[in-house]
Amino acid sequence: MPDTRITLRKRRPYATKSNKIRKVKTPGGILRVHYLKKRTKAPRCGDTGTKLNGVPVRRPRELARLSKPKKSVSRAYGGVLCGNAVRDRIHRAFLIEESRAVKQRLRQQEAIARQTKTAAEREESRKKKSKKSGASASTVKKA
């Protein structure tokens, strides 16, 4: 009868997520334990949640060993946002900037219109005053 008992190679007996094992039978017929690494998840876009292209799927320790160009994409928000999300952000920023510029132009035009309107009102009031003063002066002269 073959021996079905196994001995753990590490001194961590608890069945935690980081301590999963697989029983493996060696060519010599002996049961051994292989410790499994956690499954890796692909990095995802912060806005859309889609998988990021050009970024490797590795465990954090392996990612730390990689050089920076291998961990990201050479683009704005590379390795954090996908291309579509970056395009949308740029587009949105452009539209917001344009709307600000349009509002500023409208404010300037309104200010110019107010200035011309007040200037025209001043001229009208001057004309009225001059007519009144001219009429009163003529009545005074006649008397």
C-alpha atoms as a PDB file:
ATOM      1  CA  MET A   1       0.000   0.000   0.000  1.00  0.00           C
ATOM      2  CA  PRO A   2       1.511   3.365  -1.059  1.00  0.00           C
ATOM      3  CA  ASP A   3       2.072   6.095   1.491  1.00  0.00           C
ATOM      4  CA  THR A   4      -0.574   8.857   1.034  1.00  0.00           C
ATOM      5  CA  ARG A   5       0.725  11.082   3.800  1.00  0.00           C
ATOM      6  CA  ILE A   6       2.449  14.350   2.965  1.00  0.00           C
ATOM      7  CA  THR A   7       4.588  16.670   5.018  1.00  0.00           C
ATOM      8  CA  LEU A   8       4.472  20.427   4.609  1.00  0.00           C
ATOM      9  CA  ARG A   9       7.771  21.964   3.569  1.00  0.00           C
ATOM     10  CA  LYS A  10       7.090  25.309   5.257  1.00  0.00           C
ATOM     11  CA  ARG A  11       6.082  25.937   8.826  1.00  0.00           C
ATOM     12  CA  ARG A  12       2.731  27.522   7.983  1.00  0.00           C
ATOM     13  CA  PRO A  13      -0.011  24.975   8.623  1.00  0.00           C
ATOM     14  CA  TYR A  14      -3.065  27.227   8.172  1.00  0.00           C
ATOM     15  CA  ALA A  15      -5.148  27.107   4.994  1.00  0.00           C
ATOM     16  CA  THR A  16      -4.899  30.773   4.099  1.00  0.00           C
ATOM     17  CA  LYS A  17      -5.061  32.397   0.662  1.00  0.00           C
ATOM     18  CA  SER A  18      -1.296  32.737   0.553  1.00  0.00           C
ATOM     19  CA  ASN A  19      -0.633  29.162   1.725  1.00  0.00           C
ATOM     20  CA  LYS A  20      -2.438  27.050  -0.874  1.00  0.00           C
ATOM     21  CA  ILE A  21      -0.848  23.721  -1.738  1.00  0.00           C
ATOM     22  CA  ARG A  22      -1.068  21.100  -4.473  1.00  0.00           C
ATOM     23  CA  LYS A  23      -0.162  17.473  -3.957  1.00  0.00           C
ATOM     24  CA  VAL A  24       2.247  16.242  -6.626  1.00  0.00           C
ATOM     25  CA  LYS A  25       3.461  12.712  -7.156  1.00  0.00           C
ATOM     26  CA  THR A  26       7.119  12.558  -8.131  1.00  0.00           C
ATOM     27  CA  PRO A  27       8.517  10.007 -10.615  1.00  0.00           C
ATOM     28  CA  GLY A  28       9.810   8.072  -7.613  1.00  0.00           C
ATOM     29  CA  GLY A  29       6.221   7.605  -6.415  1.00  0.00           C
ATOM     30  CA  ILE A  30       6.553   9.951  -3.435  1.00  0.00           C
ATOM     31  CA  LEU A  31       3.881  12.579  -2.673  1.00  0.00           C
ATOM     32  CA  ARG A  32       5.280  16.085  -2.340  1.00  0.00           C
ATOM     33  CA  VAL A  33       3.720  19.494  -1.775  1.00  0.00           C
ATOM     34  CA  HIS A  34       3.927  22.393  -4.225  1.00  0.00           C
ATOM     35  CA  TYR A  35       3.012  25.786  -2.836  1.00  0.00           C
ATOM     36  CA  LEU A  36       0.859  27.719  -5.294  1.00  0.00           C
ATOM     37  CA  LYS A  37       1.227  31.405  -5.982  1.00  0.00           C
ATOM     38  CA  LYS A  38      -1.834  33.611  -6.096  1.00  0.00           C
ATOM     39  CA  ARG A  39      -3.465  34.161  -9.456  1.00  0.00           C
ATOM     40  CA  THR A  40      -2.592  37.516 -10.961  1.00  0.00           C
ATOM     41  CA  LYS A  41      -5.099  40.060 -12.169  1.00  0.00           C
ATOM     42  CA  ALA A  42      -4.468  42.312 -15.131  1.00  0.00           C
ATOM     43  CA  PRO A  43      -4.189  46.025 -14.348  1.00  0.00           C
ATOM     44  CA  ARG A  44      -7.360  47.877 -15.287  1.00  0.00           C
ATOM     45  CA  CYS A  45      -8.258  51.377 -16.392  1.00  0.00           C
ATOM     46  CA  GLY A  46      -9.290  53.670 -13.552  1.00  0.00           C
ATOM     47  CA  ASP A  47     -12.163  55.212 -15.535  1.00  0.00           C
ATOM     48  CA  THR A  48     -13.576  52.449 -17.731  1.00  0.00           C
ATOM     49  CA  GLY A  49     -12.412  49.310 -15.930  1.00  0.00           C
ATOM     50  CA  THR A  50     -11.049  47.675 -19.098  1.00  0.00           C
ATOM     51  CA  LYS A  51      -7.753  45.796 -19.139  1.00  0.00           C
ATOM     52  CA  LEU A  52      -4.742  47.956 -19.920  1.00  0.00           C
ATOM     53  CA  ASN A  53      -2.802  47.036 -23.038  1.00  0.00           C
ATOM     54  CA  GLY A  54       0.979  47.097 -22.896  1.00  0.00           C
ATOM     55  CA  VAL A  55       1.167  46.513 -19.146  1.00  0.00           C
ATOM     56  CA  PRO A  56       2.328  43.058 -18.012  1.00  0.00           C
ATOM     57  CA  VAL A  57       0.231  40.852 -15.746  1.00  0.00           C
ATOM     58  CA  ARG A  58       2.562  40.063 -12.840  1.00  0.00           C
ATOM     59  CA  ARG A  59       2.583  39.745  -9.085  1.00  0.00           C
ATOM     60  CA  PRO A  60       3.601  42.908  -7.194  1.00  0.00           C
ATOM     61  CA  ARG A  61       7.052  41.565  -6.317  1.00  0.00           C
ATOM     62  CA  GLU A  62       7.813  40.752  -9.953  1.00  0.00           C
ATOM     63  CA  LEU A  63       6.475  44.136 -11.074  1.00  0.00           C
ATOM     64  CA  ALA A  64       8.850  45.837  -8.649  1.00  0.00           C
ATOM     65  CA  ARG A  65      11.776  44.105 -10.359  1.00  0.00           C
ATOM     66  CA  LEU A  66      10.760  45.349 -13.827  1.00  0.00           C
ATOM     67  CA  SER A  67      12.077  48.616 -15.192  1.00  0.00           C
ATOM     68  CA  LYS A  68       9.695  51.544 -15.537  1.00  0.00           C
ATOM     69  CA  PRO A  69       9.272  51.425 -19.356  1.00  0.00           C
ATOM     70  CA  LYS A  70       8.198  47.786 -19.103  1.00  0.00           C
ATOM     71  CA  LYS A  71       5.502  48.608 -16.542  1.00  0.00           C
ATOM     72  CA  SER A  72       3.756  51.431 -18.373  1.00  0.00           C
ATOM     73  CA  VAL A  73       2.945  52.914 -21.763  1.00  0.00           C
ATOM     74  CA  SER A  74       4.747  56.058 -22.938  1.00  0.00           C
ATOM     75  CA  ARG A  75       1.689  58.298 -23.041  1.00  0.00           C
ATOM     76  CA  ALA A  76      -0.108  60.642 -20.678  1.00  0.00           C
ATOM     77  CA  TYR A  77      -1.626  58.519 -17.893  1.00  0.00           C
ATOM     78  CA  GLY A  78       0.217  55.498 -19.362  1.00  0.00           C
ATOM     79  CA  GLY A  79      -0.296  52.391 -17.275  1.00  0.00           C
ATOM     80  CA  VAL A  80      -3.165  54.030 -15.372  1.00  0.00           C
ATOM     81  CA  LEU A  81      -5.835  54.883 -17.961  1.00  0.00           C
ATOM     82  CA  CYS A  82      -6.648  53.300 -21.307  1.00  0.00           C
ATOM     83  CA  GLY A  83      -6.297  55.284 -24.534  1.00  0.00           C
ATOM     84  CA  ASN A  84     -10.035  55.898 -24.888  1.00  0.00           C
ATOM     85  CA  ALA A  85     -10.268  57.348 -21.384  1.00  0.00           C
ATOM     86  CA  VAL A  86      -7.297  59.652 -22.055  1.00  0.00           C
ATOM     87  CA  ARG A  87      -8.886  60.770 -25.333  1.00  0.00           C
ATOM     88  CA  ASP A  88     -12.165  61.516 -23.543  1.00  0.00           C
ATOM     89  CA  ARG A  89     -10.372  63.498 -20.829  1.00  0.00           C
ATOM     90  CA  ILE A  90      -8.470  65.575 -23.387  1.00  0.00           C
ATOM     91  CA  HIS A  91     -11.671  66.175 -25.357  1.00  0.00           C
ATOM     92  CA  ARG A  92     -13.578  67.181 -22.205  1.00  0.00           C
ATOM     93  CA  ALA A  93     -10.786  69.529 -21.089  1.00  0.00           C
ATOM     94  CA  PHE A  94     -10.755  71.166 -24.533  1.00  0.00           C
ATOM     95  CA  LEU A  95     -14.530  71.692 -24.490  1.00  0.00           C
ATOM     96  CA  ILE A  96     -14.430  73.146 -20.972  1.00  0.00           C
ATOM     97  CA  GLU A  97     -11.634  75.520 -21.987  1.00  0.00           C
ATOM     98  CA  GLU A  98     -13.582  76.574 -25.080  1.00  0.00           C
ATOM     99  CA  SER A  99     -16.735  77.233 -23.051  1.00  0.00           C
ATOM    100  CA  ARG A 100     -14.703  79.372 -20.635  1.00  0.00           C
ATOM    101  CA  ALA A 101     -13.273  81.360 -23.544  1.00  0.00           C
ATOM    102  CA  VAL A 102     -16.753  81.867 -25.041  1.00  0.00           C
ATOM    103  CA  LYS A 103     -18.134  83.057 -21.692  1.00  0.00           C
ATOM    104  CA  GLN A 104     -15.223  85.462 -21.322  1.00  0.00           C
ATOM    105  CA  ARG A 105     -15.796  86.855 -24.830  1.00  0.00           C
ATOM    106  CA  LEU A 106     -19.506  87.324 -24.085  1.00  0.00           C
ATOM    107  CA  ARG A 107     -18.682  89.169 -20.859  1.00  0.00           C
ATOM    108  CA  GLN A 108     -16.283  91.447 -22.755  1.00  0.00           C
ATOM    109  CA  GLN A 109     -18.896  92.180 -25.431  1.00  0.00           C
ATOM    110  CA  GLU A 110     -21.507  92.957 -22.772  1.00  0.00           C
ATOM    111  CA  ALA A 111     -19.065  95.294 -21.025  1.00  0.00           C
ATOM    112  CA  ILE A 112     -18.337  97.091 -24.308  1.00  0.00           C
ATOM    113  CA  ALA A 113     -22.060  97.338 -25.030  1.00  0.00           C
ATOM    114  CA  ARG A 114     -22.663  98.791 -21.555  1.00  0.00           C
ATOM    115  CA  GLN A 115     -19.877 101.331 -22.066  1.00  0.00           C
ATOM    116  CA  THR A 116     -21.237 102.469 -25.427  1.00  0.00           C
ATOM    117  CA  LYS A 117     -24.758 102.583 -24.013  1.00  0.00           C
ATOM    118  CA  THR A 118     -23.689 104.703 -21.051  1.00  0.00           C
ATOM    119  CA  ALA A 119     -21.681 106.961 -23.358  1.00  0.00           C
ATOM    120  CA  ALA A 120     -24.742 107.435 -25.576  1.00  0.00           C
ATOM    121  CA  GLU A 121     -26.916 108.130 -22.523  1.00  0.00           C
ATOM    122  CA  ARG A 122     -24.391 110.710 -21.306  1.00  0.00           C
ATOM    123  CA  GLU A 123     -24.472 112.490 -24.647  1.00  0.00           C
ATOM    124  CA  GLU A 124     -28.267 112.517 -24.626  1.00  0.00           C
ATOM    125  CA  SER A 125     -28.349 113.888 -21.089  1.00  0.00           C
ATOM    126  CA  ARG A 126     -25.820 116.576 -22.062  1.00  0.00           C
ATOM    127  CA  LYS A 127     -27.941 117.560 -25.044  1.00  0.00           C
ATOM    128  CA  LYS A 128     -31.035 117.754 -22.846  1.00  0.00           C
ATOM    129  CA  LYS A 129     -29.173 119.852 -20.289  1.00  0.00           C
ATOM    130  CA  SER A 130     -27.801 122.133 -22.965  1.00  0.00           C
ATOM    131  CA  LYS A 131     -31.289 122.581 -24.448  1.00  0.00           C
ATOM    132  CA  LYS A 132     -32.715 123.358 -21.008  1.00  0.00           C
ATOM    133  CA  SER A 133     -29.894 125.715 -20.136  1.00  0.00           C
ATOM    134  CA  GLY A 134     -30.099 127.322 -23.591  1.00  0.00           C
ATOM    135  CA  ALA A 135     -33.850 127.843 -23.226  1.00  0.00           C
ATOM    136  CA  SER A 136     -33.507 129.318 -19.752  1.00  0.00           C
ATOM    137  CA  ALA A 137     -30.658 131.546 -20.910  1.00  0.00           C
ATOM    138  CA  SER A 138     -32.712 132.824 -23.834  1.00  0.00           C
ATOM    139  CA  THR A 139     -35.659 133.603 -21.573  1.00  0.00           C
ATOM    140  CA  VAL A 140     -33.366 135.429 -19.216  1.00  0.00           C
ATOM    141  CA  LYS A 141     -31.860 137.439 -22.067  1.00  0.00           C
ATOM    142  CA  LYS A 142     -35.303 138.412 -23.396  1.00  0.00           C
ATOM    143  CA  ALA A 143     -36.379 139.741 -20.083  1.00  0.00           C
END
